């Protein structure tokens, strides 16, 4: 898997960015209820997926900063 640590920084490789896209798609497919939490998850997944796709398009990597 991706191996995230909420306290550490992470530079995602192209392979990991593709994994993130798949995770986002799975989240979007799973969260189908109109509850507040599902809507927040769906919005987050959409925006993260868009960021990942843009990074791939521009041949860039994605960086996550820990707490």
Protein backbone atom coordinates (compact mmCIF):
# COMPACT_ATOMS: atom_id res chain seq x y z
CA UNK A 1 0.00 0.00 0.00
CA UNK A 2 0.98 3.65 0.15
CA UNK A 3 2.36 3.68 3.69
CA UNK A 4 1.20 7.01 5.07
CA UNK A 5 2.29 8.37 8.44
CA UNK A 6 0.15 11.27 9.67
CA UNK A 7 3.20 12.80 11.37
CA UNK A 8 5.71 12.35 8.55
CA UNK A 9 6.20 13.92 5.15
CA UNK A 10 5.73 11.87 1.98
CA UNK A 11 6.72 12.36 -1.65
CA UNK A 12 4.51 10.15 -3.81
CA UNK A 13 6.03 8.37 -6.79
CA UNK A 14 4.13 8.05 -10.07
CA UNK A 15 3.10 4.51 -9.08
CA UNK A 16 1.84 5.77 -5.71
CA UNK A 17 -0.05 8.62 -7.40
CA UNK A 18 -1.82 6.05 -9.55
CA UNK A 19 -2.67 4.13 -6.37
CA UNK A 20 -4.07 7.32 -4.83
CA UNK A 21 -6.30 7.77 -7.87
CA UNK A 22 -7.65 4.23 -7.42
CA UNK A 23 -8.26 4.89 -3.71
CA UNK A 24 -10.16 8.08 -4.59
CA UNK A 25 -12.30 6.21 -7.11
CA UNK A 26 -13.06 3.52 -4.51
CA UNK A 27 -14.04 6.19 -1.97
CA UNK A 28 -16.33 7.85 -4.48
CA UNK A 29 -17.99 4.52 -5.28
CA UNK A 30 -18.37 3.57 -1.60
CA UNK A 31 -19.73 6.86 -0.22
CA UNK A 32 -23.18 7.07 -1.73
CA UNK A 33 -25.22 8.35 1.19
CA UNK A 34 -26.15 12.05 1.35
CA UNK A 35 -24.77 12.35 4.87
CA UNK A 36 -22.44 15.19 5.77
CA UNK A 37 -19.45 12.89 6.27
CA UNK A 38 -20.01 11.10 2.94
CA UNK A 39 -20.29 14.41 1.12
CA UNK A 40 -17.02 15.58 2.68
CA UNK A 41 -15.29 12.33 1.72
CA UNK A 42 -16.62 12.53 -1.83
CA UNK A 43 -15.46 16.14 -2.18
CA UNK A 44 -12.03 15.30 -0.77
CA UNK A 45 -11.69 12.29 -3.09
CA UNK A 46 -12.70 14.35 -6.14
CA UNK A 47 -10.21 17.09 -5.34
CA UNK A 48 -7.37 14.70 -4.53
CA UNK A 49 -8.01 12.76 -7.73
CA UNK A 50 -7.95 15.99 -9.74
CA UNK A 51 -4.66 16.99 -8.09
CA UNK A 52 -3.16 13.58 -8.87
CA UNK A 53 -4.29 13.68 -12.49
CA UNK A 54 -2.86 17.19 -12.89
CA UNK A 55 0.45 16.06 -11.38
CA UNK A 56 0.67 13.16 -13.84
CA UNK A 57 -0.25 15.45 -16.74
CA UNK A 58 2.52 17.90 -15.78
CA UNK A 59 5.01 15.10 -14.98
CA UNK A 60 5.17 16.23 -11.35
CA UNK A 61 5.04 14.33 -8.05
CA UNK A 62 2.67 14.88 -5.12
CA UNK A 63 3.96 15.85 -1.68
CA UNK A 64 2.04 15.35 1.58
CA UNK A 65 3.18 17.29 4.64
CA UNK A 66 2.68 15.58 7.99
CA UNK A 67 1.25 17.11 11.11
